[in-house]
Amino acid sequence: MPQSSGDAAVLAGDDSAADRLKALGHPVRLAMIQALACRTPCCCSDFCDSLPLAQSTISQHLKILKDAGLIRMTREGTRSRYSLDTRALAQTKRCLDAITATAPGADRQGKASNDER
């Protein structure tokens, strides 16, 4: 597969990018990331109030996002507070940008040409 050397450096050996993308691949986790982008930090009960899921299910999704490095957790007394790891999100965006920049039919900004829309 042809890649520029800069793109290859972004993608080569980045297992963490694959882990982050896998974590983002679930609609509930994507909604949680979007919620954290609007309001941070949040605790598990904040998600329980806005999502029709059991607390245990929400906790499991938060663990997956944390393990993937997309969110950070801090303790405040008995509560766990979650916030976005913006550096990890930026790294994930760079990986996706590198992929789209090398895609056939992509213009210099990595967007599909009008013919492909």
N, C-alpha and C. Protein backbone atom coordinates (compact mmCIF):
# COMPACT_ATOMS: atom_id res chain seq x y z
N MET A 1 0.83 -1.17 0.00
CA MET A 1 0.00 0.00 0.00
C MET A 1 0.87 1.24 0.00
N PRO A 2 0.68 2.15 -0.92
CA PRO A 2 1.49 3.35 -0.94
C PRO A 2 1.08 4.32 0.16
N GLN A 3 2.06 4.81 0.86
CA GLN A 3 1.85 5.82 1.90
C GLN A 3 3.03 6.77 1.85
N SER A 4 2.78 8.01 2.23
CA SER A 4 3.92 8.90 2.38
C SER A 4 4.63 8.54 3.68
N SER A 5 5.89 8.91 3.80
CA SER A 5 6.64 8.54 5.00
C SER A 5 6.04 9.16 6.26
N GLY A 6 5.45 10.35 6.15
CA GLY A 6 4.81 10.97 7.31
C GLY A 6 3.59 10.20 7.75
N ASP A 7 2.77 9.75 6.78
CA ASP A 7 1.59 8.96 7.09
C ASP A 7 1.97 7.64 7.73
N ALA A 8 3.01 7.01 7.19
CA ALA A 8 3.45 5.73 7.74
C ALA A 8 3.90 5.88 9.18
N ALA A 9 4.54 7.00 9.50
CA ALA A 9 5.00 7.22 10.87
C ALA A 9 3.82 7.35 11.82
N VAL A 10 2.71 7.94 11.35
CA VAL A 10 1.53 8.10 12.19
C VAL A 10 0.88 6.75 12.44
N LEU A 11 0.87 5.88 11.44
CA LEU A 11 0.13 4.63 11.52
C LEU A 11 0.95 3.44 12.01
N ALA A 12 2.23 3.43 11.73
CA ALA A 12 3.05 2.24 11.98
C ALA A 12 3.08 1.89 13.47
N GLY A 13 2.72 0.66 13.76
CA GLY A 13 2.84 0.14 15.11
C GLY A 13 1.99 0.82 16.14
N ASP A 14 0.93 1.50 15.73
CA ASP A 14 0.09 2.21 16.69
C ASP A 14 -1.10 1.35 17.08
N ASP A 15 -0.82 0.33 17.90
CA ASP A 15 -1.90 -0.54 18.38
C ASP A 15 -2.89 0.24 19.23
N SER A 16 -2.43 1.29 19.89
CA SER A 16 -3.34 2.06 20.72
C SER A 16 -4.39 2.77 19.87
N ALA A 17 -4.04 3.16 18.64
CA ALA A 17 -5.03 3.76 17.75
C ALA A 17 -6.13 2.76 17.43
N ALA A 18 -5.75 1.52 17.17
CA ALA A 18 -6.74 0.47 16.91
C ALA A 18 -7.63 0.25 18.13
N ASP A 19 -7.04 0.27 19.32
CA ASP A 19 -7.82 0.11 20.55
C ASP A 19 -8.81 1.26 20.72
N ARG A 20 -8.34 2.48 20.45
CA ARG A 20 -9.22 3.65 20.59
C ARG A 20 -10.37 3.58 19.57
N LEU A 21 -10.05 3.23 18.33
CA LEU A 21 -11.09 3.14 17.31
C LEU A 21 -12.09 2.04 17.63
N LYS A 22 -11.59 0.93 18.15
CA LYS A 22 -12.49 -0.16 18.55
C LYS A 22 -13.43 0.30 19.66
N ALA A 23 -12.90 1.02 20.63
CA ALA A 23 -13.73 1.53 21.72
C ALA A 23 -14.79 2.51 21.22
N LEU A 24 -14.43 3.30 20.22
CA LEU A 24 -15.37 4.27 19.66
C LEU A 24 -16.41 3.62 18.76
N GLY A 25 -16.22 2.35 18.44
CA GLY A 25 -17.09 1.66 17.51
C GLY A 25 -18.44 1.24 18.07
N HIS A 26 -18.72 1.54 19.30
CA HIS A 26 -20.02 1.19 19.89
C HIS A 26 -20.84 2.46 20.06
N PRO A 27 -22.10 2.45 19.65
CA PRO A 27 -22.90 3.69 19.70
C PRO A 27 -23.04 4.28 21.11
N VAL A 28 -23.12 3.45 22.13
CA VAL A 28 -23.24 3.97 23.50
C VAL A 28 -21.95 4.68 23.90
N ARG A 29 -20.82 4.07 23.60
CA ARG A 29 -19.55 4.70 23.97
C ARG A 29 -19.31 5.97 23.18
N LEU A 30 -19.72 5.99 21.92
CA LEU A 30 -19.60 7.21 21.13
C LEU A 30 -20.47 8.32 21.73
N ALA A 31 -21.68 7.97 22.16
CA ALA A 31 -22.56 8.95 22.82
C ALA A 31 -21.94 9.45 24.12
N MET A 32 -21.26 8.58 24.84
CA MET A 32 -20.62 8.99 26.09
C MET A 32 -19.48 9.97 25.81
N ILE A 33 -18.71 9.70 24.77
CA ILE A 33 -17.63 10.62 24.39
C ILE A 33 -18.21 11.97 23.99
N GLN A 34 -19.30 11.95 23.22
CA GLN A 34 -19.94 13.20 22.82
C GLN A 34 -20.47 13.96 24.03
N ALA A 35 -21.02 13.25 25.00
CA ALA A 35 -21.52 13.89 26.22
C ALA A 35 -20.37 14.52 27.00
N LEU A 36 -19.24 13.81 27.10
CA LEU A 36 -18.09 14.34 27.82
C LEU A 36 -17.49 15.55 27.10
N ALA A 37 -17.64 15.61 25.79
CA ALA A 37 -17.15 16.76 25.05
C ALA A 37 -17.96 18.01 25.39
N CYS A 38 -19.23 17.82 25.74
CA CYS A 38 -20.10 18.95 26.07
C CYS A 38 -20.06 19.31 27.55
N ARG A 39 -19.82 18.31 28.38
CA ARG A 39 -19.87 18.53 29.83
C ARG A 39 -18.85 17.62 30.50
N THR A 40 -17.85 18.20 31.04
CA THR A 40 -16.83 17.38 31.68
C THR A 40 -16.38 18.06 32.96
N PRO A 41 -16.06 17.40 34.01
CA PRO A 41 -16.13 15.95 34.17
C PRO A 41 -17.54 15.48 34.49
N CYS A 42 -17.78 14.20 34.30
CA CYS A 42 -19.05 13.56 34.62
C CYS A 42 -18.79 12.34 35.50
N CYS A 43 -19.79 11.98 36.26
CA CYS A 43 -19.69 10.73 37.02
C CYS A 43 -20.68 9.73 36.41
N CYS A 44 -20.60 8.51 36.84
CA CYS A 44 -21.43 7.45 36.28
C CYS A 44 -22.91 7.80 36.38
N SER A 45 -23.32 8.39 37.48
CA SER A 45 -24.75 8.72 37.66
C SER A 45 -25.22 9.75 36.63
N ASP A 46 -24.33 10.62 36.16
CA ASP A 46 -24.71 11.57 35.11
C ASP A 46 -25.12 10.81 33.85
N PHE A 47 -24.40 9.75 33.52
CA PHE A 47 -24.74 8.95 32.35
C PHE A 47 -26.00 8.14 32.60
N CYS A 48 -26.19 7.67 33.84
CA CYS A 48 -27.40 6.90 34.18
C CYS A 48 -28.64 7.76 34.00
N ASP A 49 -28.52 9.05 34.27
CA ASP A 49 -29.65 9.96 34.13
C ASP A 49 -30.01 10.20 32.66
N SER A 50 -29.04 10.09 31.77
CA SER A 50 -29.29 10.43 30.37
C SER A 50 -29.35 9.24 29.42
N LEU A 51 -28.91 8.08 29.85
CA LEU A 51 -28.93 6.90 28.99
C LEU A 51 -29.84 5.82 29.59
N PRO A 52 -30.62 5.14 28.76
CA PRO A 52 -31.55 4.12 29.28
C PRO A 52 -30.85 2.78 29.52
N LEU A 53 -29.80 2.81 30.33
CA LEU A 53 -29.01 1.62 30.59
C LEU A 53 -28.79 1.44 32.09
N ALA A 54 -28.54 0.22 32.49
CA ALA A 54 -28.24 -0.06 33.89
C ALA A 54 -26.89 0.54 34.26
N GLN A 55 -26.74 0.88 35.53
CA GLN A 55 -25.49 1.46 36.01
C GLN A 55 -24.32 0.54 35.73
N SER A 56 -24.52 -0.76 35.88
CA SER A 56 -23.43 -1.71 35.64
C SER A 56 -22.99 -1.70 34.17
N THR A 57 -23.93 -1.53 33.26
CA THR A 57 -23.61 -1.47 31.83
C THR A 57 -22.83 -0.19 31.52
N ILE A 58 -23.27 0.90 32.10
CA ILE A 58 -22.57 2.18 31.90
C ILE A 58 -21.16 2.10 32.46
N SER A 59 -21.01 1.50 33.63
CA SER A 59 -19.68 1.35 34.23
C SER A 59 -18.76 0.53 33.33
N GLN A 60 -19.29 -0.50 32.71
CA GLN A 60 -18.48 -1.33 31.81
C GLN A 60 -18.05 -0.53 30.58
N HIS A 61 -18.94 0.26 30.03
CA HIS A 61 -18.58 1.09 28.88
C HIS A 61 -17.52 2.13 29.27
N LEU A 62 -17.66 2.71 30.45
CA LEU A 62 -16.65 3.67 30.92
C LEU A 62 -15.30 2.99 31.09
N LYS A 63 -15.28 1.77 31.58
CA LYS A 63 -14.03 1.03 31.74
C LYS A 63 -13.36 0.80 30.38
N ILE A 64 -14.14 0.44 29.38
CA ILE A 64 -13.58 0.20 28.04
C ILE A 64 -12.98 1.49 27.49
N LEU A 65 -13.69 2.60 27.65
CA LEU A 65 -13.16 3.89 27.18
C LEU A 65 -11.89 4.28 27.94
N LYS A 66 -11.88 4.01 29.24
CA LYS A 66 -10.70 4.33 30.05
C LYS A 66 -9.53 3.44 29.65
N ASP A 67 -9.78 2.15 29.49
CA ASP A 67 -8.71 1.22 29.11
C ASP A 67 -8.13 1.55 27.74
N ALA A 68 -8.95 2.11 26.85
CA ALA A 68 -8.49 2.50 25.52
C ALA A 68 -7.74 3.83 25.56
N GLY A 69 -7.79 4.51 26.71
CA GLY A 69 -7.07 5.77 26.85
C GLY A 69 -7.83 6.98 26.36
N LEU A 70 -9.11 6.83 26.10
CA LEU A 70 -9.90 7.95 25.59
C LEU A 70 -10.43 8.87 26.69
N ILE A 71 -10.58 8.33 27.88
CA ILE A 71 -11.04 9.14 29.01
C ILE A 71 -10.13 8.90 30.20
N ARG A 72 -10.18 9.84 31.11
CA ARG A 72 -9.41 9.74 32.36
C ARG A 72 -10.39 9.69 33.52
N MET A 73 -9.98 9.04 34.58
CA MET A 73 -10.81 8.95 35.77
C MET A 73 -10.04 9.53 36.95
N THR A 74 -10.73 10.33 37.74
CA THR A 74 -10.17 10.83 38.99
C THR A 74 -11.18 10.53 40.09
N ARG A 75 -10.66 10.30 41.27
CA ARG A 75 -11.52 10.02 42.43
C ARG A 75 -11.77 11.32 43.18
N GLU A 76 -13.02 11.52 43.55
CA GLU A 76 -13.42 12.62 44.42
C GLU A 76 -14.26 12.01 45.54
N GLY A 77 -13.61 11.68 46.62
CA GLY A 77 -14.30 10.98 47.71
C GLY A 77 -14.69 9.60 47.25
N THR A 78 -15.98 9.31 47.28
CA THR A 78 -16.46 8.00 46.84
C THR A 78 -16.85 7.98 45.36
N ARG A 79 -16.77 9.13 44.72
CA ARG A 79 -17.17 9.23 43.32
C ARG A 79 -15.98 9.16 42.38
N SER A 80 -16.24 8.59 41.23
CA SER A 80 -15.26 8.61 40.14
C SER A 80 -15.75 9.62 39.11
N ARG A 81 -14.87 10.52 38.73
CA ARG A 81 -15.20 11.56 37.75
C ARG A 81 -14.45 11.26 36.47
N TYR A 82 -15.14 11.37 35.34
CA TYR A 82 -14.56 11.04 34.05
C TYR A 82 -14.46 12.29 33.18
N SER A 83 -13.35 12.38 32.45
CA SER A 83 -13.15 13.49 31.52
C SER A 83 -12.44 12.96 30.28
N LEU A 84 -12.58 13.70 29.19
CA LEU A 84 -11.94 13.31 27.94
C LEU A 84 -10.42 13.43 28.03
N ASP A 85 -9.73 12.55 27.38
CA ASP A 85 -8.29 12.70 27.17
C ASP A 85 -8.14 13.29 25.77
N THR A 86 -8.07 14.59 25.70
CA THR A 86 -8.06 15.27 24.40
C THR A 86 -6.81 14.93 23.59
N ARG A 87 -5.73 14.61 24.25
CA ARG A 87 -4.51 14.21 23.52
C ARG A 87 -4.75 12.89 22.77
N ALA A 88 -5.39 11.94 23.42
CA ALA A 88 -5.68 10.65 22.77
C ALA A 88 -6.65 10.84 21.61
N LEU A 89 -7.64 11.71 21.80
CA LEU A 89 -8.57 11.98 20.70
C LEU A 89 -7.86 12.63 19.52
N ALA A 90 -6.95 13.54 19.81
CA ALA A 90 -6.19 14.21 18.74
C ALA A 90 -5.31 13.20 18.00
N GLN A 91 -4.69 12.27 18.72
CA GLN A 91 -3.87 11.24 18.07
C GLN A 91 -4.73 10.35 17.18
N THR A 92 -5.91 10.02 17.64
CA THR A 92 -6.83 9.20 16.85
C THR A 92 -7.25 9.94 15.59
N LYS A 93 -7.52 11.22 15.73
CA LYS A 93 -7.87 12.04 14.56
C LYS A 93 -6.73 12.08 13.55
N ARG A 94 -5.50 12.22 14.02
CA ARG A 94 -4.35 12.23 13.11
C ARG A 94 -4.23 10.91 12.35
N CYS A 95 -4.50 9.80 13.02
CA CYS A 95 -4.46 8.50 12.34
C CYS A 95 -5.53 8.43 11.25
N LEU A 96 -6.74 8.88 11.57
CA LEU A 96 -7.81 8.87 10.57
C LEU A 96 -7.50 9.83 9.43
N ASP A 97 -6.94 10.99 9.76
CA ASP A 97 -6.56 11.94 8.71
C ASP A 97 -5.51 11.33 7.77
N ALA A 98 -4.56 10.59 8.33
CA ALA A 98 -3.53 9.96 7.52
C ALA A 98 -4.13 8.92 6.58
N ILE A 99 -5.12 8.21 7.06
CA ILE A 99 -5.78 7.20 6.23
C ILE A 99 -6.56 7.87 5.10
N THR A 100 -7.36 8.88 5.45
CA THR A 100 -8.18 9.52 4.43
C THR A 100 -7.34 10.31 3.44
N ALA A 101 -6.21 10.81 3.86
CA ALA A 101 -5.34 11.56 2.95
C ALA A 101 -4.77 10.68 1.86
N THR A 102 -4.63 9.39 2.12
CA THR A 102 -4.05 8.48 1.13
C THR A 102 -5.12 7.72 0.35
N ALA A 103 -6.39 7.95 0.67
CA ALA A 103 -7.47 7.23 0.00
C ALA A 103 -7.61 7.71 -1.44
N PRO A 104 -7.86 6.80 -2.38
CA PRO A 104 -8.09 7.21 -3.77
C PRO A 104 -9.25 8.18 -3.85
N GLY A 105 -9.09 9.22 -4.63
CA GLY A 105 -10.15 10.21 -4.80
C GLY A 105 -10.17 11.28 -3.74
N ALA A 106 -9.24 11.25 -2.79
CA ALA A 106 -9.20 12.27 -1.74
C ALA A 106 -8.45 13.48 -2.26
N ASP A 107 -8.96 14.66 -1.91
CA ASP A 107 -8.21 15.86 -2.28
C ASP A 107 -7.17 16.14 -1.21
N ARG A 108 -6.47 17.24 -1.31
CA ARG A 108 -5.36 17.52 -0.39
C ARG A 108 -5.80 17.68 1.05
N GLN A 109 -7.04 18.03 1.32
CA GLN A 109 -7.51 18.16 2.69
C GLN A 109 -8.06 16.85 3.22
N GLY A 110 -7.98 15.77 2.44
CA GLY A 110 -8.45 14.48 2.91
C GLY A 110 -9.93 14.29 2.79
N LYS A 111 -10.59 15.13 1.97
CA LYS A 111 -12.03 15.01 1.78
C LYS A 111 -12.28 14.32 0.45
N ALA A 112 -13.37 13.58 0.39
CA ALA A 112 -13.72 12.90 -0.87
C ALA A 112 -14.05 13.93 -1.93
N SER A 113 -13.72 13.61 -3.15
CA SER A 113 -14.05 14.51 -4.25
C SER A 113 -15.56 14.54 -4.44
N ASN A 114 -16.06 15.57 -5.10
CA ASN A 114 -17.50 15.72 -5.31
C ASN A 114 -18.09 14.54 -6.07
N ASP A 115 -17.32 13.90 -6.95
CA ASP A 115 -17.80 12.77 -7.73
C ASP A 115 -18.14 11.58 -6.85
N GLU A 116 -17.54 11.46 -5.67
CA GLU A 116 -17.73 10.29 -4.83
C GLU A 116 -18.77 10.49 -3.75
N ARG A 117 -19.36 11.65 -3.68
CA ARG A 117 -20.37 11.91 -2.61
C ARG A 117 -21.73 11.48 -3.02
